[in-house]
């Protein structure tokens, strides 16, 4: 296989399997059959993406050769590859995921700047990002974009020097880089970043926001180094090619041991550089399987699978009531999710990715670097490109009008239980964790919610609150103030011996009259604490009050 080919079929298939594993991991298919836990390596799969990218970028631009990097054409090609579908999925999640969850609870100026970060693919650049990712798998696209801009050009310039190093360094250094990636992930990765970002709601170490960027740089560099062995056909490449099946079996063994809780699943990243190098020859059983037509095609649509699987999950659960399936994922629901995702990804690949990629490259790359096109393809591409851009611009404008103007608060009926979904989702502002079976934790020192009270306002309107505070031996007491439209209406106090809160707080008529019937309730906890800071668990949420019930009442207090 020539070192100057622009594609290595087994690596494309490997990327497809990794993308599907990410989707199945997020779909929690292990709840269908425990044996499907074998697909639960979604975090490691992203590290495989980075390693593959470093390798295939070197392949595409002949790193280590005599030519330089054509930076303009290179950058246009990278943007054409990742941005059209990225932007389209950003608009989709802005409507179906982000808008309902953020529009009623965050400052709109903050949302605007965060939207700009998402749109410019800088949302995972730890030194400027908020830490949040609206289509959360897209954080890795932001990391890839960073590597395209700042990492690969430097590595490309160093290729001639680095590729003259002894072959054994190409074995030791890439594995060491992946070991460093494994360490920063296991030591500092925090899943609550996706929910909270840089927020006082969670005590997250600052380095945790850089973990994903570090993983991307390390994986990219590891792929760059092992490509040198592929190019020079050195002793390491020969060994990896002959033993590719053993390498693949070793990585699979680590995965199985991880599923059985004998080893950490993430440990499999140490084998990725040699796996990529070994299967790239295509001569092994693993290489032939990954080159097989259906698996190779899965790799071709892998980017669409990766970016669309969360919006598709949301749509499927809403449209097909999969939340009500006992268990949550039955066989038919798994078929809807995975089969529908593959079909949608194939449609996206042929109608969005390929046409827009070629249109952008044709329009912006210098003439000498344009890819020849079949007759008539340009017209088809232009039609799809115009349609996609119109839909994107219209969607973005609709999102701006819908989100950056406040949504009227939900009107709450007297006696209605407000902690049940979807009611609580509609009224909750900042400072709340995800809903659990028993209720909802407040997080941080300030939590709020906004409702519209019935008009005319009933006499003797009161707020009924039930719950308990997060208290343990090392954190035995807490106080909290409750305000309505900025006016204090009560103080909640608890200790280990008395931690059952069941109160009825008055809502003064004057407070409601001055706000037009809109009621903003703030819960101000003086000393919340996280289980992690108290040495109780790895939970980094700063917990305050556990809200079990919240209702309006017009009864006189007993």
Protein backbone atom coordinates (compact mmCIF):
# COMPACT_ATOMS: atom_id res chain seq x y z
CA UNK A 1 0.00 0.00 0.00
CA UNK A 2 1.52 3.30 -1.02
CA UNK A 3 2.36 5.84 1.58
CA UNK A 4 0.96 8.49 -0.72
CA UNK A 5 -2.58 7.19 -0.89
CA UNK A 6 -5.14 9.62 0.50
CA UNK A 7 -7.17 6.95 2.26
CA UNK A 8 -6.41 3.80 4.22
CA UNK A 9 -9.61 1.76 4.11
CA UNK A 10 -9.16 -0.09 7.42
CA UNK A 11 -8.74 3.20 9.27
CA UNK A 12 -11.96 4.53 7.81
CA UNK A 13 -13.76 1.42 9.06
CA UNK A 14 -12.12 1.81 12.47
CA UNK A 15 -13.45 5.35 12.68
CA UNK A 16 -16.95 4.09 11.85
CA UNK A 17 -16.90 1.51 14.65
CA UNK A 18 -15.68 4.15 17.10
CA UNK A 19 -18.49 6.55 16.09
CA UNK A 20 -21.15 3.88 16.54
CA UNK A 21 -19.72 2.96 19.96
CA UNK A 22 -20.09 6.60 21.05
CA UNK A 23 -23.73 6.61 19.94
CA UNK A 24 -24.52 3.26 21.58
CA UNK A 25 -22.80 4.38 24.78
CA UNK A 26 -24.96 7.48 24.95
CA UNK A 27 -28.01 5.35 24.12
CA UNK A 28 -27.24 3.09 27.13
CA UNK A 29 -27.85 -0.07 25.15
CA UNK A 30 -26.48 -2.10 28.07
CA UNK A 31 -29.91 -1.64 29.67
CA UNK A 32 -31.29 -3.82 26.87
CA UNK A 33 -28.82 -6.69 27.27
CA UNK A 34 -25.81 -6.55 29.64
CA UNK A 35 -23.60 -8.10 26.94
CA UNK A 36 -23.99 -4.87 24.96
CA UNK A 37 -21.79 -3.18 27.55
CA UNK A 38 -19.01 -4.16 25.16
CA UNK A 39 -19.95 -1.00 23.23
CA UNK A 40 -19.50 1.22 26.27
CA UNK A 41 -16.10 2.73 25.46
CA UNK A 42 -17.33 6.09 24.22
CA UNK A 43 -14.70 8.14 26.04
CA UNK A 44 -11.82 6.06 24.73
CA UNK A 45 -13.37 6.13 21.26
CA UNK A 46 -12.85 9.88 21.09
CA UNK A 47 -9.15 9.40 21.90
CA UNK A 48 -9.05 6.98 18.98
CA UNK A 49 -10.51 9.74 16.77
CA UNK A 50 -7.65 12.04 17.73
CA UNK A 51 -5.00 9.40 17.05
CA UNK A 52 -6.59 8.58 13.70
CA UNK A 53 -6.74 12.26 12.76
CA UNK A 54 -3.06 12.82 13.42
CA UNK A 55 -2.21 9.77 11.33
CA UNK A 56 -4.53 10.42 8.38
CA UNK A 57 -3.65 14.12 8.20
CA UNK A 58 -0.01 13.16 7.76
CA UNK A 59 -1.08 10.71 5.07
CA UNK A 60 -3.17 13.28 3.21
CA UNK A 61 -0.48 15.99 3.20
CA UNK A 62 2.58 13.69 2.89
CA UNK A 63 4.20 14.83 6.11
CA UNK A 64 7.94 14.27 6.09
CA UNK A 65 8.21 14.70 2.32
CA UNK A 66 9.95 17.44 0.41
CA UNK A 67 6.92 19.66 -0.07
CA UNK A 68 5.51 22.26 2.30
CA UNK A 69 2.03 22.51 3.75
CA UNK A 70 -0.28 24.50 1.41
CA UNK A 71 -1.86 26.29 4.34
CA UNK A 72 -4.70 28.08 2.55
CA UNK A 73 -5.92 25.00 0.73
CA UNK A 74 -5.32 22.90 3.82
CA UNK A 75 -7.42 25.19 6.01
CA UNK A 76 -10.22 25.45 3.44
CA UNK A 77 -10.31 21.67 3.13
CA UNK A 78 -10.49 21.22 6.91
CA UNK A 79 -13.29 23.75 7.33
CA UNK A 80 -15.16 22.27 4.37
CA UNK A 81 -14.85 18.86 6.00
CA UNK A 82 -16.21 19.68 9.44
CA UNK A 83 -18.09 22.99 9.47
CA UNK A 84 -21.27 22.63 7.31
CA UNK A 85 -22.69 19.70 9.29
CA UNK A 86 -21.40 21.17 12.56
CA UNK A 87 -23.31 24.41 11.94
CA UNK A 88 -26.46 22.59 10.87
CA UNK A 89 -26.51 20.43 14.00
CA UNK A 90 -25.82 23.48 16.16
CA UNK A 91 -28.97 25.14 14.82
CA UNK A 92 -30.94 21.93 15.40
CA UNK A 93 -29.87 21.54 19.03
CA UNK A 94 -30.45 25.24 19.62
CA UNK A 95 -34.13 24.55 19.06
CA UNK A 96 -34.69 21.08 20.45
CA UNK A 97 -32.25 20.97 23.38
CA UNK A 98 -30.66 24.25 24.39
CA UNK A 99 -33.57 26.64 23.95
CA UNK A 100 -36.00 24.89 26.32
CA UNK A 101 -33.31 24.34 28.95
CA UNK A 102 -31.56 27.71 28.94
CA UNK A 103 -33.89 30.36 27.60
CA UNK A 104 -35.85 30.86 30.80
CA UNK A 105 -32.95 30.57 33.20
CA UNK A 106 -29.84 32.33 31.93
CA UNK A 107 -28.89 35.88 31.16
CA UNK A 108 -29.43 36.37 27.43
CA UNK A 109 -26.16 38.24 27.00
CA UNK A 110 -24.32 35.24 28.42
CA UNK A 111 -26.20 32.96 26.03
CA UNK A 112 -25.32 35.15 23.06
CA UNK A 113 -21.58 34.96 23.74
CA UNK A 114 -21.78 31.24 24.40
CA UNK A 115 -23.64 30.76 21.11
CA UNK A 116 -20.83 32.62 19.34
CA UNK A 117 -18.32 30.22 20.90
CA UNK A 118 -20.34 27.26 19.71
CA UNK A 119 -20.71 28.73 16.22
CA UNK A 120 -16.97 29.45 15.87
CA UNK A 121 -16.01 25.99 17.16
CA UNK A 122 -14.05 27.46 20.07
CA UNK A 123 -16.33 25.99 22.74
CA UNK A 124 -13.70 23.45 23.87
CA UNK A 125 -10.77 25.88 23.87
CA UNK A 126 -10.36 25.92 27.61
CA UNK A 127 -8.73 29.34 27.83
CA UNK A 128 -11.75 31.13 26.35
CA UNK A 129 -14.69 28.72 26.64
CA UNK A 130 -17.49 28.56 29.16
CA UNK A 131 -17.01 24.79 29.38
CA UNK A 132 -20.47 24.02 27.97
CA UNK A 133 -21.20 22.24 24.69
CA UNK A 134 -24.74 22.53 23.36
CA UNK A 135 -24.46 19.44 21.13
CA UNK A 136 -22.08 17.96 23.66
CA UNK A 137 -20.31 15.39 21.40
CA UNK A 138 -19.23 18.38 19.29
CA UNK A 139 -16.62 19.32 21.89
CA UNK A 140 -14.23 16.97 20.09
CA UNK A 141 -14.84 18.83 16.81
CA UNK A 142 -13.74 22.01 18.55
CA UNK A 143 -10.60 20.23 19.77
CA UNK A 144 -9.95 18.92 16.25
CA UNK A 145 -10.30 22.46 14.91
CA UNK A 146 -7.73 23.67 17.44
CA UNK A 147 -5.35 20.92 16.32
CA UNK A 148 -5.93 21.84 12.68
CA UNK A 149 -5.00 25.46 13.35
CA UNK A 150 -2.15 25.20 15.82
CA UNK A 151 -0.93 21.61 16.28
CA UNK A 152 -0.72 19.98 12.85
CA UNK A 153 1.11 22.85 11.10
CA UNK A 154 3.79 22.68 13.81
CA UNK A 155 4.00 18.90 13.64
CA UNK A 156 4.18 19.05 9.85
CA UNK A 157 7.11 21.45 10.04
CA UNK A 158 8.91 19.10 12.43
CA UNK A 159 8.19 15.95 10.46
CA UNK A 160 11.52 15.76 8.64
CA UNK A 161 13.49 15.96 11.89
CA UNK A 162 11.19 13.70 13.88
CA UNK A 163 11.00 11.00 11.22
CA UNK A 164 14.77 10.58 11.29
CA UNK A 165 14.64 9.45 14.92
CA UNK A 166 15.21 5.76 15.76
CA UNK A 167 12.24 3.44 15.25
CA UNK A 168 12.04 2.47 18.91
CA UNK A 169 11.25 6.07 19.86
CA UNK A 170 8.19 5.78 17.63
CA UNK A 171 7.10 2.92 19.87
CA UNK A 172 7.90 4.41 23.26
CA UNK A 173 6.90 8.05 22.74
CA UNK A 174 3.38 7.51 21.28
CA UNK A 175 2.50 5.02 24.01
CA UNK A 176 3.86 7.48 26.60
CA UNK A 177 1.71 10.24 25.13
CA UNK A 178 -1.39 8.07 25.36
CA UNK A 179 -0.43 7.13 28.92
CA UNK A 180 -0.35 10.85 29.73
CA UNK A 181 -3.76 11.20 28.08
CA UNK A 182 -5.06 8.32 30.20
CA UNK A 183 -3.72 9.99 33.34
CA UNK A 184 -5.24 13.43 32.77
CA UNK A 185 -8.58 11.83 31.90
CA UNK A 186 -8.77 9.57 34.93
CA UNK A 187 -7.41 12.23 37.30
CA UNK A 188 -9.26 15.34 36.16
CA UNK A 189 -12.11 14.57 33.75
CA UNK A 190 -15.44 15.75 35.18
CA UNK A 191 -18.77 14.98 33.50
CA UNK A 192 -20.50 17.86 35.31
CA UNK A 193 -18.73 20.35 33.04
CA UNK A 194 -21.30 19.55 30.36
CA UNK A 195 -24.14 20.44 32.74
CA UNK A 196 -22.63 23.37 34.60
CA UNK A 197 -19.63 24.75 32.76
CA UNK A 198 -17.67 27.43 34.60
CA UNK A 199 -20.27 27.98 37.28
CA UNK A 200 -20.29 28.27 41.06
CA UNK A 201 -22.90 25.51 41.00
CA UNK A 202 -20.14 22.88 40.95
CA UNK A 203 -16.69 22.89 42.54
CA UNK A 204 -14.75 21.77 39.45
CA UNK A 205 -10.94 22.20 39.36
CA UNK A 206 -9.89 24.59 36.63
CA UNK A 207 -7.62 22.00 35.02
CA UNK A 208 -10.69 19.87 34.30
CA UNK A 209 -11.68 22.36 31.60
CA UNK A 210 -8.39 21.68 29.77
CA UNK A 211 -8.53 17.88 29.90
CA UNK A 212 -10.22 17.42 26.53
CA UNK A 213 -7.89 19.84 24.77
CA UNK A 214 -4.89 18.04 26.26
CA UNK A 215 -6.27 14.68 25.13
CA UNK A 216 -6.66 16.00 21.61
CA UNK A 217 -3.11 17.34 21.40
CA UNK A 218 -1.58 14.16 22.83
CA UNK A 219 -3.62 11.83 20.60
CA UNK A 220 -2.92 13.92 17.50
CA UNK A 221 0.81 13.87 18.22
CA UNK A 222 0.83 10.11 18.83
CA UNK A 223 -0.82 9.53 15.44
CA UNK A 224 1.73 11.81 13.80
CA UNK A 225 4.61 9.84 15.23
CA UNK A 226 3.43 6.37 14.25
CA UNK A 227 2.75 7.60 10.71
CA UNK A 228 6.52 7.95 10.36
CA UNK A 229 6.84 4.18 10.68
CA UNK A 230 4.13 3.66 8.05
CA UNK A 231 5.89 6.02 5.66
CA UNK A 232 9.37 4.58 6.09
CA UNK A 233 8.25 0.93 6.45
CA UNK A 234 10.61 0.54 9.38
CA UNK A 235 10.93 -2.37 11.80
CA UNK A 236 8.08 -1.07 13.95
CA UNK A 237 5.67 -0.98 10.99
CA UNK A 238 6.72 -4.45 9.92
CA UNK A 239 6.17 -5.79 13.44
CA UNK A 240 2.81 -4.06 13.88
CA UNK A 241 1.61 -5.25 10.46
CA UNK A 242 2.50 -8.88 11.20
CA UNK A 243 0.90 -8.76 14.65
CA UNK A 244 -2.09 -6.50 13.92
CA UNK A 245 -4.57 -9.18 14.95
CA UNK A 246 -2.76 -9.72 18.25
CA UNK A 247 -2.74 -5.96 18.88
CA UNK A 248 -6.47 -5.73 18.10
CA UNK A 249 -7.16 -8.72 20.36
CA UNK A 250 -5.17 -7.06 23.15
CA UNK A 251 -7.19 -3.85 22.88
CA UNK A 252 -10.41 -5.88 22.84
CA UNK A 253 -9.26 -7.82 25.91
CA UNK A 254 -8.71 -4.59 27.84
CA UNK A 255 -12.22 -3.51 26.83
CA UNK A 256 -13.74 -6.78 28.06
CA UNK A 257 -11.82 -6.60 31.33
CA UNK A 258 -13.04 -3.03 31.68
CA UNK A 259 -16.65 -4.09 31.19
CA UNK A 260 -16.08 -6.68 33.94
CA UNK A 261 -14.64 -3.94 36.22
CA UNK A 262 -11.25 -5.66 36.35
CA UNK A 263 -9.41 -2.88 34.51
CA UNK A 264 -10.37 0.72 33.63
CA UNK A 265 -11.90 0.79 30.15
CA UNK A 266 -9.95 3.96 29.36
CA UNK A 267 -6.72 1.96 29.64
CA UNK A 268 -7.33 0.73 26.09
CA UNK A 269 -6.06 4.08 24.76
CA UNK A 270 -2.50 2.87 25.32
CA UNK A 271 -2.92 0.39 22.47
CA UNK A 272 -4.40 2.83 19.95
CA UNK A 273 -1.16 4.01 18.27
CA UNK A 274 -0.03 0.45 17.51
CA UNK A 275 -3.57 -0.56 16.54
CA UNK A 276 -3.75 2.26 13.98
CA UNK A 277 -0.32 1.41 12.64
CA UNK A 278 -0.96 -2.34 12.54
CA UNK A 279 -4.32 -2.41 10.76
CA UNK A 280 -3.28 0.26 8.25
CA UNK A 281 -1.54 -2.38 6.13
CA UNK A 282 -4.85 -4.09 5.51
CA UNK A 283 -3.24 -7.53 5.38
CA UNK A 284 -4.45 -8.80 8.75
CA UNK A 285 -7.82 -10.33 9.55
CA UNK A 286 -8.72 -7.19 11.50
CA UNK A 287 -7.62 -5.01 8.58
CA UNK A 288 -9.69 -6.99 6.08
CA UNK A 289 -12.75 -6.78 8.32
CA UNK A 290 -12.35 -3.02 8.69
CA UNK A 291 -11.95 -2.72 4.89
CA UNK A 292 -15.17 -4.69 4.27
CA UNK A 293 -17.68 -2.63 2.30
CA UNK A 294 -20.40 -2.10 4.97
CA UNK A 295 -17.83 -1.29 7.69
CA UNK A 296 -15.96 1.05 5.35
CA UNK A 297 -19.20 2.83 4.46
CA UNK A 298 -19.96 3.17 8.15
CA UNK A 299 -16.66 5.00 8.40
CA UNK A 300 -17.63 7.29 5.54
CA UNK A 301 -20.80 8.39 7.35
CA UNK A 302 -19.17 8.34 10.80
CA UNK A 303 -19.05 12.13 11.12
CA UNK A 304 -22.80 12.37 10.56
CA UNK A 305 -23.36 9.49 13.00
CA UNK A 306 -21.31 11.30 15.60
CA UNK A 307 -22.90 14.74 15.31
CA UNK A 308 -26.50 13.62 14.77
CA UNK A 309 -26.85 10.89 17.39
CA UNK A 310 -27.84 13.19 20.26
CA UNK A 311 -30.46 15.21 18.30
CA UNK A 312 -31.81 11.91 16.96
CA UNK A 313 -31.97 10.47 20.47
CA UNK A 314 -33.98 13.45 21.66
CA UNK A 315 -36.34 13.30 18.68
CA UNK A 316 -36.86 9.54 19.00
CA UNK A 317 -37.68 9.67 22.68
CA UNK A 318 -40.16 12.48 22.21
CA UNK A 319 -41.84 11.11 19.09
CA UNK A 320 -41.93 7.43 20.06
CA UNK A 321 -42.39 7.68 23.84
CA UNK A 322 -39.29 5.60 24.45
CA UNK A 323 -39.10 6.99 27.97
CA UNK A 324 -42.12 4.87 28.83
CA UNK A 325 -40.62 1.61 27.57
CA UNK A 326 -40.11 -0.97 30.35
CA UNK A 327 -37.10 -1.31 30.36
CA UNK A 328 -36.22 2.05 28.86
CA UNK A 329 -34.69 0.51 25.77
CA UNK A 330 -36.61 -2.45 24.37
CA UNK A 331 -35.43 -4.25 21.27
CA UNK A 332 -37.76 -2.23 19.07
CA UNK A 333 -36.65 1.08 20.53
CA UNK A 334 -33.00 0.16 20.01
CA UNK A 335 -33.87 -0.61 16.39
CA UNK A 336 -35.55 2.78 16.03
CA UNK A 337 -32.56 4.53 17.53
CA UNK A 338 -29.71 2.80 15.74
CA UNK A 339 -31.43 2.00 12.45
CA UNK A 340 -32.88 5.47 12.18
CA UNK A 341 -29.54 7.04 13.06
CA UNK A 342 -27.70 5.12 10.33
CA UNK A 343 -30.33 6.08 7.76
CA UNK A 344 -30.26 9.71 8.84
CA UNK A 345 -26.45 9.78 8.78
CA UNK A 346 -26.39 8.32 5.27
CA UNK A 347 -28.87 10.96 4.09
CA UNK A 348 -26.83 13.70 5.74
CA UNK A 349 -23.59 12.42 4.22
CA UNK A 350 -24.88 12.46 0.65
CA UNK A 351 -27.02 15.62 0.81
CA UNK A 352 -25.11 17.88 3.20
CA UNK A 353 -21.55 16.76 3.81
CA UNK A 354 -20.36 15.85 0.31
CA UNK A 355 -22.05 18.65 -1.70
CA UNK A 356 -21.13 21.46 0.68
CA UNK A 357 -17.61 20.13 1.14
CA UNK A 358 -16.98 20.20 -2.59
CA UNK A 359 -18.66 23.57 -3.04
CA UNK A 360 -16.51 25.24 -0.37
CA UNK A 361 -13.33 23.70 -1.69
CA UNK A 362 -14.14 24.70 -5.26
CA UNK A 363 -14.94 28.26 -4.23
CA UNK A 364 -12.01 28.95 -1.92
CA UNK A 365 -9.09 26.71 -2.77
CA UNK A 366 -6.48 27.90 -5.25
CA UNK A 367 -6.99 26.56 -8.77
CA UNK A 368 -4.08 24.17 -8.72
CA UNK A 369 -5.48 22.29 -5.75
CA UNK A 370 -9.07 21.82 -6.81
CA UNK A 371 -10.37 18.30 -7.01
CA UNK A 372 -11.71 17.28 -10.46
CA UNK A 373 -15.50 16.94 -10.52
CA UNK A 374 -17.74 14.85 -12.71
CA UNK A 375 -19.81 16.82 -15.25
CA UNK A 376 -22.99 18.23 -13.83
CA UNK A 377 -22.03 17.70 -10.20
CA UNK A 378 -21.45 21.39 -9.62
CA UNK A 379 -25.10 22.20 -10.37
CA UNK A 380 -26.32 19.54 -7.95
CA UNK A 381 -23.93 20.76 -5.28
CA UNK A 382 -25.00 24.35 -5.78
CA UNK A 383 -28.65 23.45 -5.33
CA UNK A 384 -28.02 21.58 -2.12
CA UNK A 385 -25.62 24.26 -0.90
CA UNK A 386 -28.12 27.07 -1.46
CA UNK A 387 -30.87 25.05 0.24
CA UNK A 388 -28.66 24.21 3.23
CA UNK A 389 -27.50 27.81 3.64
CA UNK A 390 -31.06 29.16 3.42
CA UNK A 391 -32.26 26.65 6.02
CA UNK A 392 -29.32 27.43 8.29
CA UNK A 393 -29.71 31.21 8.05
CA UNK A 394 -33.47 31.02 8.53
CA UNK A 395 -33.05 28.69 11.46
CA UNK A 396 -30.42 30.89 13.08
CA UNK A 397 -32.63 33.97 12.71
CA UNK A 398 -35.64 32.13 14.16
CA UNK A 399 -33.46 30.91 17.03
CA UNK A 400 -32.25 34.46 17.70
CA UNK A 401 -35.77 35.85 17.77
CA UNK A 402 -37.09 32.97 19.88
CA UNK A 403 -34.30 32.67 22.40
CA UNK A 404 -32.88 36.12 22.93
CA UNK A 405 -36.30 37.44 23.87
CA UNK A 406 -37.64 36.22 27.22
CA UNK A 407 -40.19 33.43 27.12
CA UNK A 408 -43.32 34.15 29.16
CA UNK A 409 -43.19 32.20 32.43
CA UNK A 410 -45.45 29.22 32.93
CA UNK A 411 -48.71 29.98 34.76
CA UNK A 412 -48.99 27.78 37.83
CA UNK A 413 -52.39 26.65 39.07
CA UNK A 414 -53.17 26.74 42.77
CA UNK A 415 -52.52 23.31 44.25
CA UNK A 416 -50.48 22.08 41.26
CA UNK A 417 -47.33 20.10 42.11
CA UNK A 418 -44.56 22.13 40.49
CA UNK A 419 -41.66 19.71 40.96
CA UNK A 420 -42.96 17.26 38.38
CA UNK A 421 -41.66 17.27 34.81
CA UNK A 422 -42.20 18.94 32.47
CA UNK A 423 -43.50 21.69 34.77
CA UNK A 424 -40.29 22.07 36.75
CA UNK A 425 -38.20 22.09 33.59
CA UNK A 426 -40.27 25.04 32.37
CA UNK A 427 -40.03 27.13 35.55
CA UNK A 428 -36.51 26.29 36.81
CA UNK A 429 -33.79 28.90 36.50
CA UNK A 430 -30.14 28.57 37.42
CA UNK A 431 -28.90 26.63 40.41
CA UNK A 432 -30.68 23.29 40.03
CA UNK A 433 -29.30 19.84 39.35
CA UNK A 434 -30.94 17.21 37.19
CA UNK A 435 -34.22 15.83 38.47
CA UNK A 436 -34.06 12.54 40.42
CA UNK A 437 -36.78 10.12 41.49
CA UNK A 438 -37.27 11.79 44.87
CA UNK A 439 -36.94 15.43 43.74
CA UNK A 440 -34.30 18.02 42.77
CA UNK A 441 -31.16 19.31 44.49
CA UNK A 442 -30.40 23.00 44.54
CA UNK A 443 -26.76 23.64 43.64
CA UNK A 444 -24.61 26.55 44.69
CA UNK A 445 -25.61 29.44 46.89
CA UNK A 446 -28.42 30.77 44.69
CA UNK A 447 -31.21 28.84 43.00
CA UNK A 448 -34.28 30.39 41.41
CA UNK A 449 -37.44 29.67 39.48
CA UNK A 450 -40.03 31.85 37.77
CA UNK A 451 -43.80 31.32 37.50
CA UNK A 452 -46.85 33.33 36.64
CA UNK A 453 -49.51 33.28 39.35
CA UNK A 454 -53.23 33.00 38.53
CA UNK A 455 -55.06 36.25 37.81
CA UNK A 456 -56.84 37.67 39.65
CA UNK A 457 -54.46 36.79 42.45
CA UNK A 458 -56.21 34.65 45.08
CA UNK A 459 -56.28 36.04 48.61
CA UNK A 460 -53.95 34.48 51.19
CA UNK A 461 -51.71 33.06 48.46
CA UNK A 462 -48.87 31.05 49.98
CA UNK A 463 -45.89 29.01 48.87
CA UNK A 464 -45.70 25.46 50.24
CA UNK A 465 -42.21 23.95 50.36
CA UNK A 466 -41.19 20.44 51.39
CA UNK A 467 -37.73 18.91 51.40
CA UNK A 468 -34.49 18.62 53.34
CA UNK A 469 -30.97 20.02 53.22
CA UNK A 470 -27.75 18.18 52.38
CA UNK A 471 -26.34 17.53 55.86
CA UNK A 472 -23.73 15.05 57.11
CA UNK A 473 -21.58 14.82 60.23
CA UNK A 474 -18.92 17.06 58.72
CA UNK A 475 -21.57 19.52 57.54
CA UNK A 476 -24.19 19.46 60.34
CA UNK A 477 -26.25 22.65 59.86
CA UNK A 478 -27.41 25.10 57.24
CA UNK A 479 -29.52 28.25 56.83
CA UNK A 480 -31.32 29.53 53.76
CA UNK A 481 -33.38 32.59 52.89
CA UNK A 482 -36.37 32.49 50.54
CA UNK A 483 -37.23 35.65 48.61
CA UNK A 484 -40.12 36.50 46.30
CA UNK A 485 -39.32 39.18 43.70
CA UNK A 486 -36.45 40.29 45.94
CA UNK A 487 -38.51 40.47 49.15
CA UNK A 488 -37.62 38.00 51.90
CA UNK A 489 -40.60 35.80 52.81
CA UNK A 490 -38.97 33.24 55.09
CA UNK A 491 -35.86 31.66 56.55
CA UNK A 492 -35.23 27.90 56.54
CA UNK A 493 -32.97 26.44 59.24
CA UNK A 494 -31.95 22.81 59.70
CA UNK A 495 -29.48 20.59 61.53
CA UNK A 496 -28.87 16.86 61.69
CA UNK A 497 -31.60 16.37 64.29
CA UNK A 498 -34.18 18.54 62.52
CA UNK A 499 -33.85 18.29 58.77
CA UNK A 500 -37.43 17.92 57.56
CA UNK A 501 -38.65 21.13 55.96
CA UNK A 502 -42.41 21.51 55.54
CA UNK A 503 -43.32 25.20 55.54
CA UNK A 504 -46.01 27.54 54.28
CA UNK A 505 -44.62 30.98 53.36
CA UNK A 506 -46.85 34.01 52.66
CA UNK A 507 -46.73 35.79 49.32
CA UNK A 508 -47.56 39.47 49.94
CA UNK A 509 -50.10 40.96 47.53
CA UNK A 510 -47.92 44.03 47.01
CA UNK A 511 -45.02 41.89 45.78
CA UNK A 512 -47.20 40.26 43.14
CA UNK A 513 -48.96 43.47 42.12
CA UNK A 514 -45.70 45.25 41.32
CA UNK A 515 -44.52 42.46 39.00
CA UNK A 516 -47.65 41.96 36.94
CA UNK A 517 -48.29 38.53 38.40
CA UNK A 518 -44.81 37.20 37.63
CA UNK A 519 -43.21 35.56 40.66
CA UNK A 520 -39.47 34.94 40.87
CA UNK A 521 -38.51 32.76 43.84
CA UNK A 522 -34.89 32.77 45.00
CA UNK A 523 -33.43 30.25 47.44
CA UNK A 524 -30.24 31.63 49.02
CA UNK A 525 -28.27 28.93 50.87
CA UNK A 526 -25.53 30.30 53.09
CA UNK A 527 -23.19 27.29 53.20
CA UNK A 528 -23.85 24.57 50.60
CA UNK A 529 -21.26 21.80 50.27
CA UNK A 530 -20.25 19.14 47.79
CA UNK A 531 -19.92 15.46 48.74
CA UNK A 532 -16.50 15.53 47.07
CA UNK A 533 -15.22 18.37 49.28
CA UNK A 534 -16.43 16.48 52.38
CA UNK A 535 -14.77 13.23 51.31
CA UNK A 536 -18.14 11.46 50.96
CA UNK A 537 -18.07 10.63 47.23
CA UNK A 538 -16.82 11.86 43.84
CA UNK A 539 -19.94 14.00 43.39
CA UNK A 540 -18.65 17.55 42.77
CA UNK A 541 -22.06 19.23 42.88
CA UNK A 542 -22.35 21.89 45.57
CA UNK A 543 -25.59 20.70 47.16
CA UNK A 544 -27.93 22.84 49.21
CA UNK A 545 -31.64 22.04 49.49
CA UNK A 546 -33.33 18.84 48.30
CA UNK A 547 -36.70 20.06 46.98
CA UNK A 548 -39.37 17.34 47.16
CA UNK A 549 -42.57 19.35 46.74
CA UNK A 550 -43.48 22.89 45.73
CA UNK A 551 -47.04 24.21 45.41
CA UNK A 552 -49.10 27.38 45.54
CA UNK A 553 -51.95 27.43 48.05
CA UNK A 554 -54.71 29.91 48.86
CA UNK A 555 -55.63 28.28 52.17
CA UNK A 556 -55.26 30.18 55.40
CA UNK A 557 -52.42 28.83 57.55
CA UNK A 558 -53.52 26.44 60.26
